[in-house]
Amino acid sequence: MSGARAPGPEAGAAGAEAPGAALSVDVAGLLVQLARSFALLLPVYALGYLGLSFSWVLLALGLLVWCRRSRGLKATRLCRALALLEDEERAVRLGVRACDLPAWVHFPDTERAEWLNKTVKHMWPFICQFIEKLFRETIEPAVRGAHTHLSTFSFTRVDVGQQPLRINGVKVYTENVDKRQIILDLQISFVGNCEIDLEIKRYFCRAGVQSIQIHGTMRVILEPLIGDMPLVGALSIFFLRKPLLEINWTGLTNLLDIPGLNGLSDTIILDIISNYLVLPNRITVPLVSEVQIAQLRFPIPKGVLRIHFIEAQDLQGKDTYLKGLIKGKSDPYGVIRVGNQIFQSKVIKENLSPKWNEVYEALVYEHPGQELEIELFDEDPDKDDFLGSLMIDLIEVEKERLLDEWFTLDEVLRGKLHLKLEWLTLMPDASNLEKVLTDIRADKDQANDGLSSSLLVLYLDSARNLPSGKKINSNPNPLVQMSVGHKAQESKIRYKTNEPVWEENFTFFVHNPKRQELEVEVKDEQHQCCLGNLRIPLSQLLACEDMTLNQRFQLSNSGPNSSLKMKLALRVLHLEKQERSPDHQHSAQVKRPSVSKEGRKISVRSQMSASPGTADSSTAPSTPVMGGCDNKPGVEERAQPAEASPQGPRDLGRSSSSLQAGSTGSPSHVSVKEPTPSIASDISLPVATQELRQRLRQLENGTTLGQSPLGQIQLTVRHSSQRNKLVVVVHSCRNLIAFSEDGSDPYVRLYLLPDKRRSGRRKTHVSKKTLNPVFDQSFDFSVSLPDVQRRTLDVAVKNSGGFLSKDKGLLGKVLVGLASEELAKGWTQWYDLTEDGTRPHVVT
């Protein structure tokens, strides 16, 4: 018994501690439970104690249930109202079945703003007063001072009309935007019966405008949002793309309404509007003094979109013969648009599955609301036929970073398009530069053109103490010309001043910033003389903080105190690799805006005239682009002959290209159709490169081909100062590769880059069935010596083949640099032909 009682005190203590611990933890919950039980039992006990009926209990329970139900219904109505405000479409579809909705019910992402139209209508008389004051006090003196012949210029009548500007819809972006900004898209429409008359009394000249129609989407950005009044730091206004414009002229300018001239006049005016109001240009109104107006007016682009325009399949045959009795094929080409940047591919003759293999690069400033638009057309002598279109939301491309897919064409019965899209992020440091240079092969070749490794953003502010030019004590009309490699742009002209203020922004795609430099020249437009120049190696920016340089630069060959204020920012174009699971597959159905063809389609046939653009696009030949498309090595793609793929001016991809109004979606016929040269042209893409490599493997057959497997070409190159021309003599080729058992039918094609227009192409005659052709033909290019030293001679040896022959393609290529000081004397040398023309071995 004593042994059994020994642990008793310890066990009793433990047993006493356990209940105490439990009570100390749950005492509050126990008291609440007791209170609830007491509250429920007290009414029952009270009814029994007072001798009342049990029906009172049922009545109380019914009243409690009714109160709770009423409160729940009220909360449900409030939640539905909040859900309706947040997402009207989802709330309605949850409450009503789709089959019960009328056909006319739709949910646009644009809202009506009648209250805003009523406000504008009430303010319109005062807006007209402001416009008249602007014409008479600002525009009229500026025109008079521009030239002595316009000294008697005046506005005789300025009446904007009684019809106010109308806002058809407002869209506010709430996703993928910065928290410190508000983005609105206003669909504006102005159909005004205005009368604006002007005259030049000196020449008895009268002209004017009778009515104006303008339709477009204007973006308004309120940023930055601040914590003090007026809550918004600045207001920025611009058009995402060129608006539609129609003008009725009067007086002498009535001649501009003649068919053929009306489109030209509207295009010129649209270009003027683009220089001020079309992205990336904008009007910025600061609301607080602390806001950095320059940063808001010209922001750095959000990213760069690299478009690999590869191929299409199963297109419709639009060509017919014998009045439609015989169905033919099509001559397809593509028109690519990103905002105000327009590119046009080459034309592939008689092919329903064309392969373009071209690459373009476009700047993206505002990706919310901006899309990649592609239209395919069949080239015809009269009017080009529509072959399909495609719109891709750039937000989806930014999320995926890399898309390589087949897309089904819209608005046609059949057809697919193969694209590879790369979203390049702008990096403010040079940590990834070496990898980027390796990826685009800019670390090995010496070319200044090709796929871009970086982007140079230049803000041209002002100049001080410029010299007077040719005439002493007279103010010049200064403008600034800037160039990086073969790409050149120029600023607006500032009249009669030696301290001009430009406040303009320019962008340049840079192939290799370690070797290239920025050349700046200030010129007097009136006397065509140089007021000063400077050279800035882009490698200097690599060592600066954030690769940004903001200072005044001393001008060379100018006055002692002449300077130019600029801000330079270099950004590396980096393709960020997304971490994906092995089973990740992105759907080819990329999100597309739900806009009808009639609502969004503008005839996007680019005009052939080029002016300085705001979105410079790299368009010169590049180094090979490896992995650009999924082409199998066993499939051969013959290069198109020179006659089938004329190249166009390199400025076509810039914002100078105009949009023509049209309702059919088909571009109006232009007599000379010149495409935008791809930045990866000729054999710089995998298809043609793989073809040459495959032939080399077949010829090699286990043996070594030597140092010049593709053969050599002998050239004489010199510049004639008397004729002001570059003279190139093509002597002969040797040891070319054979395209067939009978040999090859070679000829030589020449371009003076960056000009790749049909008019700038030179060709020799075709030598039949020989691997050692002799040409001895001379060609010349009209170009000055300073200009030619910044260019590159593109020489390609091609196989002609016979009529309808498949044995057409490239035999080899060489890029000859012309920066040598011996160019005036000239030289004759043998050059090794290579696959991409780079790093040729010179044989003396």
Foldseek 3Di string as FASTA:
>chain_A
DVVVCVCVVVVVVVVVVVVVVVCVVCVVVVVVVVVVVCVVVVVVVVCVVVVHDPVVVVVVVVVVVVVVVVVVVVVVVVVLVVVCVVPVVVSVCVVDPPVPDDPPDDDDQWAADVVVVVVQLVCVVVVQVVVVCCCAVPVLVVQLVPDVQQVQKDKPDWFFANFTKDFGTKHWDDPPDDPQKTKMKTWIWDWTQIWIKMARVVVRAIKIWGIKIKTAIKMKMFDGQDDDPPRTFKIKIAGLAQIDMATCMDGPCNVCVPPPNVQVVVLVVSLVNCVAGYPPHIDMGGPDPPDPVLCVRHPDFQWKKKKFQFKKADWDQDDAPPVRPRTFRFFKKKWKDWRLFIFIFFTHPRDRIDTGRFMWMFTHRDQVVIWIKMWMWGDDQFFIHTGFIDIFRVVLCVVQQWDFDWAFGPPDDGMITTMIMGIWGWALACPCQVVLCVQQVVVPFDAWFFDFFKKKKKFFFKKPDFACPPDHPWRFFKKKWKDKQLDIFIFDTHPGHRIDTGRDMAMDGTHHLQPIKMKMWMAGPVVGGTRFIDIGRLVVLNPDVSSKDWDWADTPPHDPPITTTMIMGMTGTHRDDDDDDPPDDDDSPHDGDPDDCQRPAFQQQWDQDAHGARIQMRFAAGAANPPRHPDDLVDADADDDCVRTFAGFQRRRGSSTGIHGDRPNTHGDDNDRHGHHGSHDALSYDRQLSVQVVLLVVVCVVHDCDDFNQWKWKKKWAAAQVQQKIKIWTFKIANHAALDPLRFFKKKKKAWPPDRGPVRIDIFDTHPRDRIDGTRDMDIDRHHLVSSQSIKMKMWMWGDDDVVDPSTHTSFIAIHHNNDPCRNVIDIWMWRGDSRRGPIDIHD
